[in-house]
Amino acid sequence: MMNVPNINTSFSPKIGIFWLIMENGVPRFLTDMISVDEGEQYGDSVTWSGHYDFWEKIRTQNKTPLQAVS
């Protein structure tokens, strides 16, 4: 069996954000998630807040975005 670190095995509903980036010439998914209970109300929806702050943190680490999806 393969040992995969940092995998969330919780079955509670989650919301999040992801980007596909290039890191050292290798495409990778960059993700962040929170429980729905921690999300921000936006009308009738719940959203992951902090898109801009999250990307600014990553951008300063010299990641190259392939595609931004939110």
N, C-alpha and C. Protein backbone atom coordinates (compact mmCIF):
# COMPACT_ATOMS: atom_id res chain seq x y z
N MET A 1 0.84 -1.18 0.00
CA MET A 1 0.00 0.00 0.00
C MET A 1 0.88 1.24 0.00
N MET A 2 0.53 2.22 -0.81
CA MET A 2 1.30 3.45 -0.93
C MET A 2 1.00 4.38 0.24
N ASN A 3 2.02 4.95 0.85
CA ASN A 3 1.84 5.89 1.95
C ASN A 3 1.78 7.30 1.36
N VAL A 4 0.60 7.94 1.44
CA VAL A 4 0.41 9.28 0.90
C VAL A 4 0.20 10.23 2.07
N PRO A 5 1.15 11.14 2.32
CA PRO A 5 1.02 12.06 3.45
C PRO A 5 0.00 13.16 3.19
N ASN A 6 -0.54 13.71 4.27
CA ASN A 6 -1.41 14.89 4.23
C ASN A 6 -2.70 14.71 3.43
N ILE A 7 -3.25 13.52 3.44
CA ILE A 7 -4.53 13.29 2.79
C ILE A 7 -5.60 13.39 3.86
N ASN A 8 -6.59 14.25 3.62
CA ASN A 8 -7.68 14.42 4.56
C ASN A 8 -8.70 13.31 4.32
N THR A 9 -8.88 12.43 5.29
CA THR A 9 -9.80 11.32 5.13
C THR A 9 -11.14 11.60 5.81
N SER A 10 -11.35 12.81 6.24
CA SER A 10 -12.61 13.21 6.85
C SER A 10 -13.72 13.18 5.81
N PHE A 11 -14.91 12.79 6.23
CA PHE A 11 -16.03 12.73 5.30
C PHE A 11 -16.97 13.91 5.47
N SER A 12 -16.56 14.93 6.23
CA SER A 12 -17.39 16.11 6.37
C SER A 12 -17.29 16.96 5.09
N PRO A 13 -18.37 17.65 4.73
CA PRO A 13 -18.34 18.47 3.50
C PRO A 13 -17.26 19.54 3.56
N LYS A 14 -16.59 19.75 2.45
CA LYS A 14 -15.51 20.72 2.34
C LYS A 14 -15.77 21.64 1.16
N ILE A 15 -15.19 22.83 1.23
CA ILE A 15 -15.14 23.75 0.11
C ILE A 15 -13.70 24.22 -0.01
N GLY A 16 -13.32 24.64 -1.20
CA GLY A 16 -11.94 25.06 -1.33
C GLY A 16 -11.65 25.71 -2.65
N ILE A 17 -10.36 25.82 -2.89
CA ILE A 17 -9.85 26.47 -4.09
C ILE A 17 -8.69 25.64 -4.61
N PHE A 18 -8.45 25.72 -5.92
CA PHE A 18 -7.28 25.04 -6.46
C PHE A 18 -6.76 25.77 -7.68
N TRP A 19 -5.48 25.62 -7.90
CA TRP A 19 -4.80 26.11 -9.09
C TRP A 19 -3.96 24.98 -9.64
N LEU A 20 -3.73 25.02 -10.92
CA LEU A 20 -2.76 24.13 -11.56
C LEU A 20 -1.54 25.00 -11.83
N ILE A 21 -0.39 24.62 -11.26
CA ILE A 21 0.82 25.43 -11.36
C ILE A 21 1.97 24.60 -11.92
N MET A 22 3.03 25.29 -12.33
CA MET A 22 4.29 24.63 -12.69
C MET A 22 5.25 24.86 -11.54
N GLU A 23 5.85 23.79 -11.05
CA GLU A 23 6.84 23.88 -9.99
C GLU A 23 8.05 23.08 -10.42
N ASN A 24 9.16 23.77 -10.67
CA ASN A 24 10.38 23.12 -11.16
C ASN A 24 10.12 22.31 -12.43
N GLY A 25 9.30 22.88 -13.31
CA GLY A 25 9.00 22.23 -14.58
C GLY A 25 7.99 21.10 -14.50
N VAL A 26 7.39 20.88 -13.34
CA VAL A 26 6.42 19.80 -13.15
C VAL A 26 5.05 20.40 -12.84
N PRO A 27 4.00 20.02 -13.59
CA PRO A 27 2.67 20.53 -13.27
C PRO A 27 2.16 19.91 -11.97
N ARG A 28 1.58 20.75 -11.11
CA ARG A 28 1.05 20.28 -9.82
C ARG A 28 -0.23 21.03 -9.50
N PHE A 29 -1.11 20.37 -8.76
CA PHE A 29 -2.28 21.04 -8.22
C PHE A 29 -1.91 21.65 -6.89
N LEU A 30 -2.34 22.87 -6.69
CA LEU A 30 -2.15 23.58 -5.43
C LEU A 30 -3.54 23.81 -4.87
N THR A 31 -3.82 23.30 -3.68
CA THR A 31 -5.17 23.34 -3.14
C THR A 31 -5.20 23.82 -1.70
N ASP A 32 -6.36 24.26 -1.31
CA ASP A 32 -6.62 24.58 0.08
C ASP A 32 -8.11 24.33 0.31
N MET A 33 -8.46 23.81 1.47
CA MET A 33 -9.87 23.56 1.76
C MET A 33 -10.18 23.78 3.23
N ILE A 34 -11.45 24.04 3.47
CA ILE A 34 -11.96 24.21 4.82
C ILE A 34 -13.30 23.49 4.90
N SER A 35 -13.78 23.27 6.11
CA SER A 35 -15.10 22.67 6.24
C SER A 35 -16.15 23.69 5.82
N VAL A 36 -17.30 23.22 5.38
CA VAL A 36 -18.38 24.11 4.99
C VAL A 36 -18.76 25.02 6.15
N ASP A 37 -18.71 24.50 7.36
CA ASP A 37 -19.04 25.31 8.54
C ASP A 37 -18.13 26.51 8.70
N GLU A 38 -16.90 26.43 8.20
CA GLU A 38 -15.95 27.53 8.29
C GLU A 38 -16.04 28.50 7.11
N GLY A 39 -16.85 28.17 6.12
CA GLY A 39 -16.97 28.98 4.92
C GLY A 39 -17.64 30.32 5.18
N GLU A 40 -17.58 31.16 4.17
CA GLU A 40 -18.16 32.49 4.24
C GLU A 40 -19.49 32.51 3.49
N GLN A 41 -20.54 32.99 4.15
CA GLN A 41 -21.85 33.10 3.50
C GLN A 41 -21.76 34.10 2.37
N TYR A 42 -22.30 33.75 1.22
CA TYR A 42 -22.35 34.63 0.07
C TYR A 42 -23.70 34.42 -0.59
N GLY A 43 -24.68 35.21 -0.16
CA GLY A 43 -26.05 35.01 -0.63
C GLY A 43 -26.55 33.67 -0.12
N ASP A 44 -27.04 32.84 -1.02
CA ASP A 44 -27.53 31.50 -0.66
C ASP A 44 -26.42 30.46 -0.68
N SER A 45 -25.21 30.87 -0.93
CA SER A 45 -24.09 29.95 -1.06
C SER A 45 -23.10 30.11 0.09
N VAL A 46 -22.19 29.16 0.17
CA VAL A 46 -21.07 29.23 1.09
C VAL A 46 -19.82 29.16 0.23
N THR A 47 -18.86 30.03 0.49
CA THR A 47 -17.67 30.08 -0.35
C THR A 47 -16.40 30.02 0.49
N TRP A 48 -15.34 29.63 -0.14
CA TRP A 48 -14.00 29.67 0.45
C TRP A 48 -13.54 31.10 0.25
N SER A 49 -13.24 31.80 1.30
CA SER A 49 -12.82 33.20 1.15
C SER A 49 -11.30 33.27 1.14
N GLY A 50 -10.78 34.37 0.69
CA GLY A 50 -9.34 34.56 0.70
C GLY A 50 -8.63 34.20 -0.57
N HIS A 51 -9.34 34.14 -1.72
CA HIS A 51 -8.71 33.78 -2.99
C HIS A 51 -7.48 34.64 -3.27
N TYR A 52 -7.65 35.95 -3.16
CA TYR A 52 -6.56 36.86 -3.49
C TYR A 52 -5.39 36.69 -2.53
N ASP A 53 -5.67 36.64 -1.23
CA ASP A 53 -4.59 36.48 -0.24
C ASP A 53 -3.85 35.17 -0.43
N PHE A 54 -4.58 34.11 -0.73
CA PHE A 54 -3.97 32.80 -0.95
C PHE A 54 -3.03 32.86 -2.16
N TRP A 55 -3.50 33.44 -3.28
CA TRP A 55 -2.67 33.51 -4.46
C TRP A 55 -1.45 34.39 -4.23
N GLU A 56 -1.60 35.51 -3.53
CA GLU A 56 -0.46 36.38 -3.26
C GLU A 56 0.61 35.64 -2.47
N LYS A 57 0.21 34.81 -1.53
CA LYS A 57 1.16 34.01 -0.75
C LYS A 57 1.92 33.06 -1.68
N ILE A 58 1.20 32.41 -2.57
CA ILE A 58 1.82 31.45 -3.50
C ILE A 58 2.69 32.18 -4.52
N ARG A 59 2.19 33.30 -5.04
CA ARG A 59 2.92 34.06 -6.06
C ARG A 59 4.30 34.47 -5.56
N THR A 60 4.40 34.82 -4.29
CA THR A 60 5.69 35.24 -3.73
C THR A 60 6.67 34.07 -3.61
N GLN A 61 6.18 32.85 -3.80
CA GLN A 61 7.05 31.67 -3.77
C GLN A 61 7.48 31.28 -5.19
N ASN A 62 7.25 32.19 -6.16
CA ASN A 62 7.65 32.00 -7.55
C ASN A 62 7.02 30.78 -8.22
N LYS A 63 5.75 30.52 -7.91
CA LYS A 63 5.01 29.47 -8.61
C LYS A 63 4.50 30.07 -9.91
N THR A 64 4.40 29.28 -10.95
CA THR A 64 3.91 29.76 -12.24
C THR A 64 2.53 29.16 -12.49
N PRO A 65 1.49 30.01 -12.56
CA PRO A 65 0.16 29.45 -12.76
C PRO A 65 -0.02 28.95 -14.20
N LEU A 66 -0.62 27.78 -14.33
CA LEU A 66 -1.02 27.29 -15.64
C LEU A 66 -2.45 27.72 -15.92
N GLN A 67 -3.27 27.64 -14.86
CA GLN A 67 -4.67 27.97 -15.00
C GLN A 67 -5.20 28.32 -13.63
N ALA A 68 -5.89 29.42 -13.50
CA ALA A 68 -6.50 29.80 -12.23
C ALA A 68 -7.96 29.42 -12.29
N VAL A 69 -8.41 28.65 -11.30
CA VAL A 69 -9.81 28.22 -11.23
C VAL A 69 -10.31 28.50 -9.83
N SER A 70 -11.44 29.11 -9.70
CA SER A 70 -12.01 29.35 -8.38
C SER A 70 -13.46 29.01 -8.34
